[in-house]
PDB file of N, CA and C in Angstrom:
ATOM      1  N   MET A   1     -25.413   5.759 -57.390  1.00  0.00           N
ATOM      2  CA  MET A   1     -24.867   5.839 -56.136  1.00  0.00           C
ATOM      3  C   MET A   1     -24.216   4.354 -55.499  1.00  0.00           C
ATOM      4  N   ASN A   2     -22.991   4.429 -55.614  1.00  0.00           N
ATOM      5  CA  ASN A   2     -22.397   3.348 -55.276  1.00  0.00           C
ATOM      6  C   ASN A   2     -21.492   3.357 -53.921  1.00  0.00           C
ATOM      7  N   GLN A   3     -22.093   2.809 -53.009  1.00  0.00           N
ATOM      8  CA  GLN A   3     -21.224   3.305 -51.743  1.00  0.00           C
ATOM      9  C   GLN A   3     -20.635   2.148 -51.430  1.00  0.00           C
ATOM     10  N   ASN A   4     -19.416   2.244 -50.800  1.00  0.00           N
ATOM     11  CA  ASN A   4     -18.782   1.164 -50.539  1.00  0.00           C
ATOM     12  C   ASN A   4     -19.117   0.937 -48.921  1.00  0.00           C
ATOM     13  N   TYR A   5     -19.911   0.191 -48.616  1.00  0.00           N
ATOM     14  CA  TYR A   5     -20.286  -0.475 -47.369  1.00  0.00           C
ATOM     15  C   TYR A   5     -19.217  -1.795 -46.687  1.00  0.00           C
ATOM     16  N   PRO A   6     -18.781  -1.625 -45.704  1.00  0.00           N
ATOM     17  CA  PRO A   6     -18.081  -2.860 -45.054  1.00  0.00           C
ATOM     18  C   PRO A   6     -18.809  -3.958 -45.219  1.00  0.00           C
ATOM     19  N   LYS A   7     -17.974  -5.152 -45.494  1.00  0.00           N
ATOM     20  CA  LYS A   7     -18.753  -6.483 -45.754  1.00  0.00           C
ATOM     21  C   LYS A   7     -18.950  -6.962 -44.363  1.00  0.00           C
ATOM     22  N   LYS A   8     -19.988  -7.655 -44.092  1.00  0.00           N
ATOM     23  CA  LYS A   8     -20.209  -8.152 -42.974  1.00  0.00           C
ATOM     24  C   LYS A   8     -19.352  -9.402 -42.537  1.00  0.00           C
ATOM     25  N   GLN A   9     -18.745  -9.594 -41.502  1.00  0.00           N
ATOM     26  CA  GLN A   9     -18.002 -10.753 -41.292  1.00  0.00           C
ATOM     27  C   GLN A   9     -18.574 -11.894 -40.719  1.00  0.00           C
ATOM     28  N   SER A  10     -18.597 -13.089 -41.116  1.00  0.00           N
ATOM     29  CA  SER A  10     -19.014 -14.356 -40.515  1.00  0.00           C
ATOM     30  C   SER A  10     -18.886 -14.261 -39.001  1.00  0.00           C
ATOM     31  N   LYS A  11     -19.442 -15.314 -38.331  1.00  0.00           N
ATOM     32  CA  LYS A  11     -19.324 -15.308 -36.902  1.00  0.00           C
ATOM     33  C   LYS A  11     -18.093 -16.207 -36.580  1.00  0.00           C
ATOM     34  N   LYS A  12     -17.803 -17.047 -37.575  1.00  0.00           N
ATOM     35  CA  LYS A  12     -16.484 -17.799 -37.440  1.00  0.00           C
ATOM     36  C   LYS A  12     -15.186 -16.657 -37.702  1.00  0.00           C
ATOM     37  N   SER A  13     -15.164 -16.062 -38.645  1.00  0.00           N
ATOM     38  CA  SER A  13     -14.264 -15.143 -38.617  1.00  0.00           C
ATOM     39  C   SER A  13     -14.008 -14.062 -37.479  1.00  0.00           C
ATOM     40  N   LYS A  14     -15.179 -13.575 -37.080  1.00  0.00           N
ATOM     41  CA  LYS A  14     -14.942 -12.917 -35.802  1.00  0.00           C
ATOM     42  C   LYS A  14     -14.613 -13.555 -34.812  1.00  0.00           C
ATOM     43  N   LYS A  15     -14.738 -14.556 -34.472  1.00  0.00           N
ATOM     44  CA  LYS A  15     -14.284 -15.430 -33.376  1.00  0.00           C
ATOM     45  C   LYS A  15     -12.917 -15.787 -33.913  1.00  0.00           C
ATOM     46  N   LEU A  16     -12.384 -16.033 -34.790  1.00  0.00           N
ATOM     47  CA  LEU A  16     -10.870 -16.015 -35.231  1.00  0.00           C
ATOM     48  C   LEU A  16      -9.914 -14.863 -34.783  1.00  0.00           C
ATOM     49  N   GLU A  17     -10.599 -13.811 -35.041  1.00  0.00           N
ATOM     50  CA  GLU A  17      -9.788 -12.598 -35.121  1.00  0.00           C
ATOM     51  C   GLU A  17      -9.946 -12.280 -33.756  1.00  0.00           C
ATOM     52  N   LYS A  18     -10.908 -12.353 -32.772  1.00  0.00           N
ATOM     53  CA  LYS A  18     -10.810 -12.264 -31.353  1.00  0.00           C
ATOM     54  C   LYS A  18      -9.686 -13.209 -30.598  1.00  0.00           C
ATOM     55  N   GLU A  19      -9.750 -14.592 -30.922  1.00  0.00           N
ATOM     56  CA  GLU A  19      -8.513 -15.358 -30.459  1.00  0.00           C
ATOM     57  C   GLU A  19      -7.221 -14.815 -30.632  1.00  0.00           C
ATOM     58  N   SER A  20      -6.820 -14.399 -31.779  1.00  0.00           N
ATOM     59  CA  SER A  20      -5.727 -14.069 -32.261  1.00  0.00           C
ATOM     60  C   SER A  20      -5.283 -12.646 -31.676  1.00  0.00           C
ATOM     61  N   ARG A  21      -6.209 -11.519 -31.239  1.00  0.00           N
ATOM     62  CA  ARG A  21      -6.129 -10.538 -30.521  1.00  0.00           C
ATOM     63  C   ARG A  21      -5.704 -11.236 -29.008  1.00  0.00           C
ATOM     64  N   LYS A  22      -6.490 -12.049 -28.290  1.00  0.00           N
ATOM     65  CA  LYS A  22      -6.198 -12.584 -27.172  1.00  0.00           C
ATOM     66  C   LYS A  22      -4.736 -13.115 -27.190  1.00  0.00           C
ATOM     67  N   GLU A  23      -4.282 -13.743 -28.242  1.00  0.00           N
ATOM     68  CA  GLU A  23      -2.860 -14.594 -28.388  1.00  0.00           C
ATOM     69  C   GLU A  23      -1.696 -13.399 -28.128  1.00  0.00           C
ATOM     70  N   ASN A  24      -2.226 -12.461 -29.079  1.00  0.00           N
ATOM     71  CA  ASN A  24      -1.167 -11.368 -29.063  1.00  0.00           C
ATOM     72  C   ASN A  24      -0.910 -10.728 -27.793  1.00  0.00           C
ATOM     73  N   SER A  25      -1.964 -10.356 -27.176  1.00  0.00           N
ATOM     74  CA  SER A  25      -1.721  -9.786 -25.709  1.00  0.00           C
ATOM     75  C   SER A  25      -1.015 -10.349 -24.814  1.00  0.00           C
ATOM     76  N   THR A  26      -1.553 -11.964 -24.461  1.00  0.00           N
ATOM     77  CA  THR A  26      -0.623 -12.553 -23.648  1.00  0.00           C
ATOM     78  C   THR A  26       0.767 -12.793 -24.066  1.00  0.00           C
ATOM     79  N   GLN A  27       0.969 -12.964 -25.328  1.00  0.00           N
ATOM     80  CA  GLN A  27       2.395 -12.905 -25.751  1.00  0.00           C
ATOM     81  C   GLN A  27       3.082 -11.641 -25.512  1.00  0.00           C
ATOM     82  N   LYS A  28       2.375 -10.525 -25.619  1.00  0.00           N
ATOM     83  CA  LYS A  28       3.046  -9.323 -25.149  1.00  0.00           C
ATOM     84  C   LYS A  28       3.315  -9.243 -23.792  1.00  0.00           C
ATOM     85  N   LYS A  29       2.352  -9.540 -22.794  1.00  0.00           N
ATOM     86  CA  LYS A  29       2.585  -9.691 -21.504  1.00  0.00           C
ATOM     87  C   LYS A  29       3.771 -10.221 -21.012  1.00  0.00           C
ATOM     88  N   LYS A  30       3.677 -11.746 -21.633  1.00  0.00           N
ATOM     89  CA  LYS A  30       4.866 -12.502 -21.382  1.00  0.00           C
ATOM     90  C   LYS A  30       6.236 -11.647 -21.576  1.00  0.00           C
ATOM     91  N   LEU A  31       6.362 -11.215 -22.774  1.00  0.00           N
ATOM     92  CA  LEU A  31       7.765 -10.496 -23.230  1.00  0.00           C
ATOM     93  C   LEU A  31       8.052  -9.420 -22.339  1.00  0.00           C
ATOM     94  N   LYS A  32       7.105  -8.769 -21.733  1.00  0.00           N
ATOM     95  CA  LYS A  32       7.329  -7.512 -20.694  1.00  0.00           C
ATOM     96  C   LYS A  32       7.624  -8.119 -19.331  1.00  0.00           C
ATOM     97  N   ARG A  33       7.178  -9.417 -19.021  1.00  0.00           N
ATOM     98  CA  ARG A  33       7.319 -10.215 -17.902  1.00  0.00           C
ATOM     99  C   ARG A  33       9.174 -10.428 -17.926  1.00  0.00           C
ATOM    100  N   TYR A  34       9.381 -11.186 -18.946  1.00  0.00           N
ATOM    101  CA  TYR A  34      10.842 -11.728 -19.057  1.00  0.00           C
ATOM    102  C   TYR A  34      11.676 -10.704 -19.585  1.00  0.00           C
ATOM    103  N   SER A  35      10.947  -9.547 -20.280  1.00  0.00           N
ATOM    104  CA  SER A  35      12.543  -8.542 -20.482  1.00  0.00           C
ATOM    105  C   SER A  35      12.837  -7.866 -19.438  1.00  0.00           C
ATOM    106  N   ALA A  36      12.172  -7.865 -18.243  1.00  0.00           N
ATOM    107  CA  ALA A  36      12.755  -6.987 -16.799  1.00  0.00           C
ATOM    108  C   ALA A  36      13.812  -8.175 -16.242  1.00  0.00           C
ATOM    109  N   CYS A  37      13.580  -9.217 -16.437  1.00  0.00           N
ATOM    110  CA  CYS A  37      14.693 -10.037 -15.661  1.00  0.00           C
ATOM    111  C   CYS A  37      16.082  -9.790 -15.999  1.00  0.00           C
ATOM    112  N   LYS A  38      16.705  -9.863 -14.857  1.00  0.00           N
ATOM    113  CA  LYS A  38      18.374  -9.577 -15.167  1.00  0.00           C
ATOM    114  C   LYS A  38      19.088 -11.211 -14.978  1.00  0.00           C
ATOM    115  N   ILE A  39      19.945 -11.295 -15.977  1.00  0.00           N
ATOM    116  CA  ILE A  39      20.741 -12.345 -16.300  1.00  0.00           C
ATOM    117  C   ILE A  39      22.086 -12.298 -15.173  1.00  0.00           C
ATOM    118  N   TYR A  40      22.158 -13.290 -14.357  1.00  0.00           N
ATOM    119  CA  TYR A  40      23.410 -13.296 -13.225  1.00  0.00           C
ATOM    120  C   TYR A  40      24.432 -13.813 -13.971  1.00  0.00           C
ATOM    121  N   LYS A  41      25.706 -13.577 -13.716  1.00  0.00           N
ATOM    122  CA  LYS A  41      26.972 -14.274 -13.933  1.00  0.00           C
ATOM    123  C   LYS A  41      27.395 -15.333 -13.115  1.00  0.00           C
ATOM    124  N   LEU A  42      27.634 -16.262 -13.776  1.00  0.00           N
ATOM    125  CA  LEU A  42      28.447 -17.348 -12.978  1.00  0.00           C
ATOM    126  C   LEU A  42      29.624 -17.447 -12.737  1.00  0.00           C
ATOM    127  N   ILE A  43      30.295 -17.218 -11.699  1.00  0.00           N
ATOM    128  CA  ILE A  43      31.845 -17.128 -11.354  1.00  0.00           C
ATOM    129  C   ILE A  43      31.991 -18.258 -10.600  1.00  0.00           C
ATOM    130  N   PHE A  44      32.984 -19.226 -11.041  1.00  0.00           N
ATOM    131  CA  PHE A  44      33.432 -20.442 -10.319  1.00  0.00           C
ATOM    132  C   PHE A  44      34.466 -20.280  -9.544  1.00  0.00           C
ATOM    133  N   GLU A  45      34.834 -20.868  -8.235  1.00  0.00           N
ATOM    134  CA  GLU A  45      36.086 -20.942  -7.614  1.00  0.00           C
ATOM    135  C   GLU A  45      36.676 -21.930  -7.934  1.00  0.00           C
ATOM    136  N   LYS A  46      38.146 -22.390  -7.830  1.00  0.00           N
ATOM    137  CA  LYS A  46      38.794 -23.288  -8.487  1.00  0.00           C
ATOM    138  C   LYS A  46      38.519 -24.690  -7.785  1.00  0.00           C
ATOM    139  N   ARG A  47      38.064 -24.609  -6.258  1.00  0.00           N
ATOM    140  CA  ARG A  47      37.619 -25.759  -5.888  1.00  0.00           C
ATOM    141  C   ARG A  47      36.193 -26.362  -6.504  1.00  0.00           C
ATOM    142  N   ALA A  48      35.453 -25.225  -6.900  1.00  0.00           N
ATOM    143  CA  ALA A  48      34.252 -25.802  -7.405  1.00  0.00           C
ATOM    144  C   ALA A  48      34.361 -26.575  -8.978  1.00  0.00           C
ATOM    145  N   LEU A  49      35.134 -26.012  -9.506  1.00  0.00           N
ATOM    146  CA  LEU A  49      35.506 -26.274 -10.832  1.00  0.00           C
ATOM    147  C   LEU A  49      36.135 -27.967 -10.604  1.00  0.00           C
ATOM    148  N   ASN A  50      37.100 -28.157  -9.786  1.00  0.00           N
ATOM    149  CA  ASN A  50      37.725 -29.413  -9.565  1.00  0.00           C
ATOM    150  C   ASN A  50      36.430 -30.405  -9.245  1.00  0.00           C
ATOM    151  N   GLY A  51      35.527 -29.811  -8.481  1.00  0.00           N
ATOM    152  CA  GLY A  51      34.495 -30.856  -7.902  1.00  0.00           C
ATOM    153  C   GLY A  51      33.678 -31.154  -9.246  1.00  0.00           C
ATOM    154  N   LEU A  52      33.513 -30.014 -10.048  1.00  0.00           N
ATOM    155  CA  LEU A  52      32.333 -30.424 -11.086  1.00  0.00           C
ATOM    156  C   LEU A  52      33.537 -31.495 -12.540  1.00  0.00           C
ATOM    157  N   ASN A  53      34.813 -31.102 -12.360  1.00  0.00           N
ATOM    158  CA  ASN A  53      35.601 -32.090 -13.264  1.00  0.00           C
ATOM    159  C   ASN A  53      35.786 -33.415 -12.720  1.00  0.00           C
ATOM    160  N   LYS A  54      35.678 -33.600 -11.291  1.00  0.00           N
ATOM    161  CA  LYS A  54      35.653 -35.274 -10.934  1.00  0.00           C
ATOM    162  C   LYS A  54      34.456 -35.823 -11.449  1.00  0.00           C
ATOM    163  N   LEU A  55      33.142 -35.286 -11.498  1.00  0.00           N
ATOM    164  CA  LEU A  55      32.044 -35.941 -11.426  1.00  0.00           C
ATOM    165  C   LEU A  55      31.853 -36.769 -13.155  1.00  0.00           C
ATOM    166  N   GLU A  56      30.780 -37.673 -13.154  1.00  0.00           N
ATOM    167  CA  GLU A  56      30.427 -38.409 -14.557  1.00  0.00           C
ATOM    168  C   GLU A  56      30.040 -37.193 -15.426  1.00  0.00           C
ATOM    169  N   LYS A  57      30.189 -37.919 -16.788  1.00  0.00           N
ATOM    170  CA  LYS A  57      29.737 -36.883 -17.679  1.00  0.00           C
ATOM    171  C   LYS A  57      28.020 -36.326 -17.620  1.00  0.00           C
ATOM    172  N   ILE A  58      27.113 -37.532 -17.210  1.00  0.00           N
ATOM    173  CA  ILE A  58      25.805 -37.173 -17.257  1.00  0.00           C
ATOM    174  C   ILE A  58      25.716 -36.106 -16.220  1.00  0.00           C
ATOM    175  N   VAL A  59      26.307 -36.431 -14.946  1.00  0.00           N
ATOM    176  CA  VAL A  59      26.022 -35.555 -13.585  1.00  0.00           C
ATOM    177  C   VAL A  59      26.253 -34.387 -14.096  1.00  0.00           C
ATOM    178  N   LYS A  60      27.396 -33.932 -14.672  1.00  0.00           N
ATOM    179  CA  LYS A  60      28.282 -32.929 -14.995  1.00  0.00           C
ATOM    180  C   LYS A  60      27.212 -32.113 -15.984  1.00  0.00           C
ATOM    181  N   SER A  61      26.564 -32.801 -16.880  1.00  0.00           N
ATOM    182  CA  SER A  61      25.576 -31.975 -17.786  1.00  0.00           C
ATOM    183  C   SER A  61      24.502 -31.513 -16.928  1.00  0.00           C
ATOM    184  N   ARG A  62      23.851 -32.423 -16.110  1.00  0.00           N
ATOM    185  CA  ARG A  62      22.627 -32.194 -15.425  1.00  0.00           C
ATOM    186  C   ARG A  62      23.144 -30.717 -14.203  1.00  0.00           C
ATOM    187  N   ILE A  63      24.015 -30.675 -14.046  1.00  0.00           N
ATOM    188  CA  ILE A  63      24.530 -29.633 -13.007  1.00  0.00           C
ATOM    189  C   ILE A  63      24.757 -28.330 -13.968  1.00  0.00           C
ATOM    190  N   TRP A  64      25.168 -28.329 -15.119  1.00  0.00           N
ATOM    191  CA  TRP A  64      25.558 -27.587 -15.738  1.00  0.00           C
ATOM    192  C   TRP A  64      24.113 -27.038 -16.476  1.00  0.00           C
ATOM    193  N   ASN A  65      23.315 -27.607 -16.797  1.00  0.00           N
ATOM    194  CA  ASN A  65      22.038 -27.259 -17.264  1.00  0.00           C
ATOM    195  C   ASN A  65      21.366 -26.364 -16.101  1.00  0.00           C
ATOM    196  N   LYS A  66      21.116 -27.142 -15.009  1.00  0.00           N
ATOM    197  CA  LYS A  66      20.540 -26.544 -13.828  1.00  0.00           C
ATOM    198  C   LYS A  66      21.048 -24.791 -13.379  1.00  0.00           C
ATOM    199  N   LEU A  67      22.428 -24.911 -13.602  1.00  0.00           N
ATOM    200  CA  LEU A  67      23.124 -23.669 -13.404  1.00  0.00           C
ATOM    201  C   LEU A  67      22.668 -22.779 -14.291  1.00  0.00           C
ATOM    202  N   GLN A  68      22.453 -23.136 -15.651  1.00  0.00           N
ATOM    203  CA  GLN A  68      22.117 -22.385 -16.851  1.00  0.00           C
ATOM    204  C   GLN A  68      20.667 -21.480 -16.385  1.00  0.00           C
ATOM    205  N   GLN A  69      19.851 -22.548 -15.819  1.00  0.00           N
ATOM    206  CA  GLN A  69      18.500 -22.118 -15.484  1.00  0.00           C
ATOM    207  C   GLN A  69      18.280 -21.257 -14.365  1.00  0.00           C
ATOM    208  N   CYS A  70      19.365 -21.354 -13.533  1.00  0.00           N
ATOM    209  CA  CYS A  70      19.491 -20.326 -12.317  1.00  0.00           C
ATOM    210  C   CYS A  70      20.091 -18.764 -12.628  1.00  0.00           C
ATOM    211  N   LYS A  71      20.564 -18.966 -13.896  1.00  0.00           N
ATOM    212  CA  LYS A  71      21.155 -17.529 -14.187  1.00  0.00           C
ATOM    213  C   LYS A  71      20.013 -16.533 -14.223  1.00  0.00           C
ATOM    214  N   ASP A  72      18.687 -16.661 -14.538  1.00  0.00           N
ATOM    215  CA  ASP A  72      17.571 -15.769 -14.896  1.00  0.00           C
ATOM    216  C   ASP A  72      16.997 -15.697 -13.535  1.00  0.00           C
ATOM    217  N   ASP A  73      17.150 -16.461 -12.578  1.00  0.00           N
ATOM    218  CA  ASP A  73      16.301 -16.260 -11.413  1.00  0.00           C
ATOM    219  C   ASP A  73      16.908 -17.109 -10.238  1.00  0.00           C
ATOM    220  N   PRO A  74      17.633 -16.670  -9.827  1.00  0.00           N
ATOM    221  CA  PRO A  74      18.608 -17.853  -8.877  1.00  0.00           C
ATOM    222  C   PRO A  74      18.082 -18.075  -7.713  1.00  0.00           C
ATOM    223  N   PHE A  75      17.030 -17.218  -7.259  1.00  0.00           N
ATOM    224  CA  PHE A  75      16.394 -17.216  -5.791  1.00  0.00           C
ATOM    225  C   PHE A  75      15.107 -18.309  -5.987  1.00  0.00           C
ATOM    226  N   ARG A  76      14.806 -18.521  -7.321  1.00  0.00           N
ATOM    227  CA  ARG A  76      13.740 -19.612  -7.563  1.00  0.00           C
ATOM    228  C   ARG A  76      14.431 -21.238  -6.989  1.00  0.00           C
ATOM    229  N   PHE A  77      15.443 -21.290  -7.373  1.00  0.00           N
ATOM    230  CA  PHE A  77      16.123 -22.561  -7.261  1.00  0.00           C
ATOM    231  C   PHE A  77      16.974 -22.791  -5.908  1.00  0.00           C
ATOM    232  N   PHE A  78      17.854 -21.762  -5.724  1.00  0.00           N
ATOM    233  CA  PHE A  78      18.486 -21.894  -4.387  1.00  0.00           C
ATOM    234  C   PHE A  78      17.817 -21.719  -3.137  1.00  0.00           C
ATOM    235  N   GLU A  79      18.373 -22.424  -2.246  1.00  0.00           N
ATOM    236  CA  GLU A  79      17.618 -22.467  -0.818  1.00  0.00           C
ATOM    237  C   GLU A  79      18.997 -22.015  -0.078  1.00  0.00           C
ATOM    238  N   LYS A  80      18.407 -20.771   0.925  1.00  0.00           N
ATOM    239  CA  LYS A  80      19.081 -20.285   1.821  1.00  0.00           C
ATOM    240  C   LYS A  80      19.919 -21.516   2.925  1.00  0.00           C
ATOM    241  N   LEU A  81      20.947 -21.594   3.267  1.00  0.00           N
ATOM    242  CA  LEU A  81      21.592 -22.252   4.116  1.00  0.00           C
ATOM    243  C   LEU A  81      21.329 -21.579   5.493  1.00  0.00           C
ATOM    244  N   SER A  82      21.262 -22.228   6.424  1.00  0.00           N
ATOM    245  CA  SER A  82      21.190 -21.870   7.970  1.00  0.00           C
ATOM    246  C   SER A  82      22.711 -21.660   8.309  1.00  0.00           C
ATOM    247  N   GLU A  83      22.811 -20.212   9.152  1.00  0.00           N
ATOM    248  CA  GLU A  83      23.978 -19.952   9.918  1.00  0.00           C
ATOM    249  C   GLU A  83      24.955 -19.378   9.026  1.00  0.00           C
ATOM    250  N   THR A  84      24.729 -19.276   7.565  1.00  0.00           N
ATOM    251  CA  THR A  84      25.706 -18.757   6.639  1.00  0.00           C
ATOM    252  C   THR A  84      24.896 -17.690   5.778  1.00  0.00           C
ATOM    253  N   THR A  85      25.881 -17.107   4.967  1.00  0.00           N
ATOM    254  CA  THR A  85      25.383 -16.241   3.804  1.00  0.00           C
ATOM    255  C   THR A  85      25.013 -17.102   2.458  1.00  0.00           C
ATOM    256  N   SER A  86      25.502 -18.127   2.796  1.00  0.00           N
ATOM    257  CA  SER A  86      25.569 -19.084   1.532  1.00  0.00           C
ATOM    258  C   SER A  86      24.425 -19.717   1.159  1.00  0.00           C
ATOM    259  N   PHE A  87      23.846 -20.087  -0.273  1.00  0.00           N
ATOM    260  CA  PHE A  87      22.742 -20.953  -0.453  1.00  0.00           C
ATOM    261  C   PHE A  87      23.263 -22.204  -1.193  1.00  0.00           C
ATOM    262  N   LYS A  88      22.350 -23.181  -1.329  1.00  0.00           N
ATOM    263  CA  LYS A  88      22.390 -24.502  -1.912  1.00  0.00           C
ATOM    264  C   LYS A  88      21.631 -24.553  -3.003  1.00  0.00           C
ATOM    265  N   LEU A  89      21.983 -25.275  -3.779  1.00  0.00           N
ATOM    266  CA  LEU A  89      21.521 -26.099  -5.047  1.00  0.00           C
ATOM    267  C   LEU A  89      21.277 -27.259  -5.142  1.00  0.00           C
ATOM    268  N   ARG A  90      20.122 -27.921  -5.080  1.00  0.00           N
ATOM    269  CA  ARG A  90      20.149 -29.528  -5.337  1.00  0.00           C
ATOM    270  C   ARG A  90      19.751 -29.594  -6.710  1.00  0.00           C
ATOM    271  N   VAL A  91      20.819 -30.726  -6.996  1.00  0.00           N
ATOM    272  CA  VAL A  91      20.706 -31.732  -8.438  1.00  0.00           C
ATOM    273  C   VAL A  91      20.902 -32.928  -8.127  1.00  0.00           C
ATOM    274  N   GLY A  92      19.584 -33.806  -7.876  1.00  0.00           N
ATOM    275  CA  GLY A  92      19.821 -35.179  -7.428  1.00  0.00           C
ATOM    276  C   GLY A  92      20.303 -35.294  -6.166  1.00  0.00           C
ATOM    277  N   ASP A  93      21.386 -36.112  -6.259  1.00  0.00           N
ATOM    278  CA  ASP A  93      22.019 -36.329  -5.138  1.00  0.00           C
ATOM    279  C   ASP A  93      23.165 -35.279  -5.030  1.00  0.00           C
ATOM    280  N   TYR A  94      23.575 -34.577  -5.322  1.00  0.00           N
ATOM    281  CA  TYR A  94      24.697 -33.561  -5.688  1.00  0.00           C
ATOM    282  C   TYR A  94      24.034 -32.071  -5.053  1.00  0.00           C
ATOM    283  N   ARG A  95      25.110 -31.534  -4.701  1.00  0.00           N
ATOM    284  CA  ARG A  95      24.465 -30.154  -4.103  1.00  0.00           C
ATOM    285  C   ARG A  95      25.648 -29.148  -4.643  1.00  0.00           C
ATOM    286  N   VAL A  96      25.241 -27.944  -4.918  1.00  0.00           N
ATOM    287  CA  VAL A  96      25.976 -26.753  -5.317  1.00  0.00           C
ATOM    288  C   VAL A  96      26.015 -25.885  -4.157  1.00  0.00           C
ATOM    289  N   ILE A  97      27.123 -25.224  -3.546  1.00  0.00           N
ATOM    290  CA  ILE A  97      26.885 -24.395  -2.626  1.00  0.00           C
ATOM    291  C   ILE A  97      27.701 -23.019  -3.155  1.00  0.00           C
ATOM    292  N   ALA A  98      26.740 -22.074  -3.424  1.00  0.00           N
ATOM    293  CA  ALA A  98      27.327 -20.455  -3.963  1.00  0.00           C
ATOM    294  C   ALA A  98      26.638 -19.524  -2.809  1.00  0.00           C
ATOM    295  N   ASP A  99      27.221 -18.272  -3.351  1.00  0.00           N
ATOM    296  CA  ASP A  99      27.169 -17.037  -2.818  1.00  0.00           C
ATOM    297  C   ASP A  99      26.470 -16.215  -3.899  1.00  0.00           C
ATOM    298  N   ILE A 100      25.315 -15.644  -3.410  1.00  0.00           N
ATOM    299  CA  ILE A 100      24.606 -14.837  -4.716  1.00  0.00           C
ATOM    300  C   ILE A 100      24.804 -13.483  -3.828  1.00  0.00           C
ATOM    301  N   LEU A 101      25.103 -12.554  -5.274  1.00  0.00           N
ATOM    302  CA  LEU A 101      25.400 -11.074  -5.033  1.00  0.00           C
ATOM    303  C   LEU A 101      24.111 -10.453  -5.939  1.00  0.00           C
ATOM    304  N   LYS A 102      23.128  -9.655  -5.233  1.00  0.00           N
ATOM    305  CA  LYS A 102      22.169  -8.934  -6.109  1.00  0.00           C
ATOM    306  C   LYS A 102      22.729  -7.675  -6.521  1.00  0.00           C
ATOM    307  N   GLU A 103      23.749  -7.130  -6.018  1.00  0.00           N
ATOM    308  CA  GLU A 103      24.198  -5.710  -6.409  1.00  0.00           C
ATOM    309  C   GLU A 103      25.256  -6.024  -7.457  1.00  0.00           C
ATOM    310  N   LYS A 104      26.107  -6.909  -7.653  1.00  0.00           N
ATOM    311  CA  LYS A 104      26.516  -7.397  -8.658  1.00  0.00           C
ATOM    312  C   LYS A 104      26.133  -8.417  -9.787  1.00  0.00           C
ATOM    313  N   GLU A 105      25.072  -8.857  -9.434  1.00  0.00           N
ATOM    314  CA  GLU A 105      24.118  -9.632 -10.249  1.00  0.00           C
ATOM    315  C   GLU A 105      25.197 -10.702 -10.806  1.00  0.00           C
ATOM    316  N   ALA A 106      25.836 -11.453  -9.769  1.00  0.00           N
ATOM    317  CA  ALA A 106      26.582 -12.331  -9.942  1.00  0.00           C
ATOM    318  C   ALA A 106      26.265 -13.808  -8.752  1.00  0.00           C
ATOM    319  N   ILE A 107      26.595 -15.056  -9.523  1.00  0.00           N
ATOM    320  CA  ILE A 107      26.503 -16.100  -8.570  1.00  0.00           C
ATOM    321  C   ILE A 107      27.849 -16.616  -8.266  1.00  0.00           C
ATOM    322  N   PHE A 108      28.514 -16.706  -7.307  1.00  0.00           N
ATOM    323  CA  PHE A 108      29.851 -17.348  -6.779  1.00  0.00           C
ATOM    324  C   PHE A 108      29.576 -18.865  -6.518  1.00  0.00           C
ATOM    325  N   ILE A 109      29.818 -19.779  -7.278  1.00  0.00           N
ATOM    326  CA  ILE A 109      29.829 -21.169  -6.977  1.00  0.00           C
ATOM    327  C   ILE A 109      31.068 -21.516  -6.405  1.00  0.00           C
ATOM    328  N   LEU A 110      30.873 -21.980  -4.770  1.00  0.00           N
ATOM    329  CA  LEU A 110      31.992 -22.074  -3.819  1.00  0.00           C
ATOM    330  C   LEU A 110      32.534 -23.367  -4.226  1.00  0.00           C
ATOM    331  N   LYS A 111      31.616 -24.535  -4.170  1.00  0.00           N
ATOM    332  CA  LYS A 111      31.640 -25.905  -4.028  1.00  0.00           C
ATOM    333  C   LYS A 111      30.594 -26.871  -4.653  1.00  0.00           C
ATOM    334  N   ILE A 112      30.961 -27.904  -5.306  1.00  0.00           N
ATOM    335  CA  ILE A 112      30.324 -28.593  -5.917  1.00  0.00           C
ATOM    336  C   ILE A 112      30.962 -30.383  -5.478  1.00  0.00           C
ATOM    337  N   SER A 113      29.460 -30.864  -4.826  1.00  0.00           N
ATOM    338  CA  SER A 113      30.008 -32.505  -4.262  1.00  0.00           C
ATOM    339  C   SER A 113      28.749 -32.994  -3.939  1.00  0.00           C
ATOM    340  N   HIS A 114      28.837 -34.322  -3.832  1.00  0.00           N
ATOM    341  CA  HIS A 114      27.775 -35.328  -3.218  1.00  0.00           C
ATOM    342  C   HIS A 114      27.390 -34.747  -2.173  1.00  0.00           C
ATOM    343  N   ARG A 115      26.018 -35.303  -1.722  1.00  0.00           N
ATOM    344  CA  ARG A 115      25.417 -34.593  -0.643  1.00  0.00           C
ATOM    345  C   ARG A 115      26.028 -35.049   0.696  1.00  0.00           C
ATOM    346  N   LYS A 116      26.580 -36.249   0.847  1.00  0.00           N
ATOM    347  CA  LYS A 116      27.275 -36.822   1.817  1.00  0.00           C
ATOM    348  C   LYS A 116      28.554 -35.797   2.213  1.00  0.00           C
ATOM    349  N   ASN A 117      29.292 -35.405   1.442  1.00  0.00           N
ATOM    350  CA  ASN A 117      30.611 -34.688   1.392  1.00  0.00           C
ATOM    351  C   ASN A 117      30.346 -33.458   1.357  1.00  0.00           C
ATOM    352  N   ILE A 118      29.375 -32.652   1.019  1.00  0.00           N
ATOM    353  CA  ILE A 118      29.397 -31.227   0.597  1.00  0.00           C
ATOM    354  C   ILE A 118      29.507 -30.379   1.840  1.00  0.00           C
ATOM    355  N   TYR A 119      29.218 -30.924   3.240  1.00  0.00           N
ATOM    356  CA  TYR A 119      29.007 -29.801   4.141  1.00  0.00           C
ATOM    357  C   TYR A 119      30.243 -29.725   5.072  1.00  0.00           C
ATOM    358  N   TYR A 120      31.047 -30.847   4.925  1.00  0.00           N
ATOM    359  CA  TYR A 120      32.067 -31.129   6.032  1.00  0.00           C
ATOM    360  C   TYR A 120      33.703 -30.227   5.221  1.00  0.00           C
ATOM    361  N   ASN A 121      34.219 -29.950   5.807  1.00  0.00           N
ATOM    362  CA  ASN A 121      35.484 -29.247   5.336  1.00  0.00           C
ATOM    363  C   ASN A 121      35.057 -27.485   4.843  1.00  0.00           C
TER     364      ASN A 121
END
């Protein structure tokens, strides 16, 4: 009578298996959280593109990278402006003024400039 009984696992291997199950479950939770995110489109006004092109290369890349981060969740980075429907994004000494439309999933970039000049005109 040769029966095949499961071999006993050592404590170390049980612990490793348990940890790997935990890691897999947390990865699945993260994927679920991010898979529901909507990616917003960036739409630039001519005035905003002109303002962006006038800036130095380093500042331009910082603003561009920040805008790419905002595509996932714009309300995390943009702050509401008082007395208007627009929002502002702070990137160092520079500001980005934009309108965010939830229905169209779009961010309309209106103006990009230094903080001392952005709110005039």
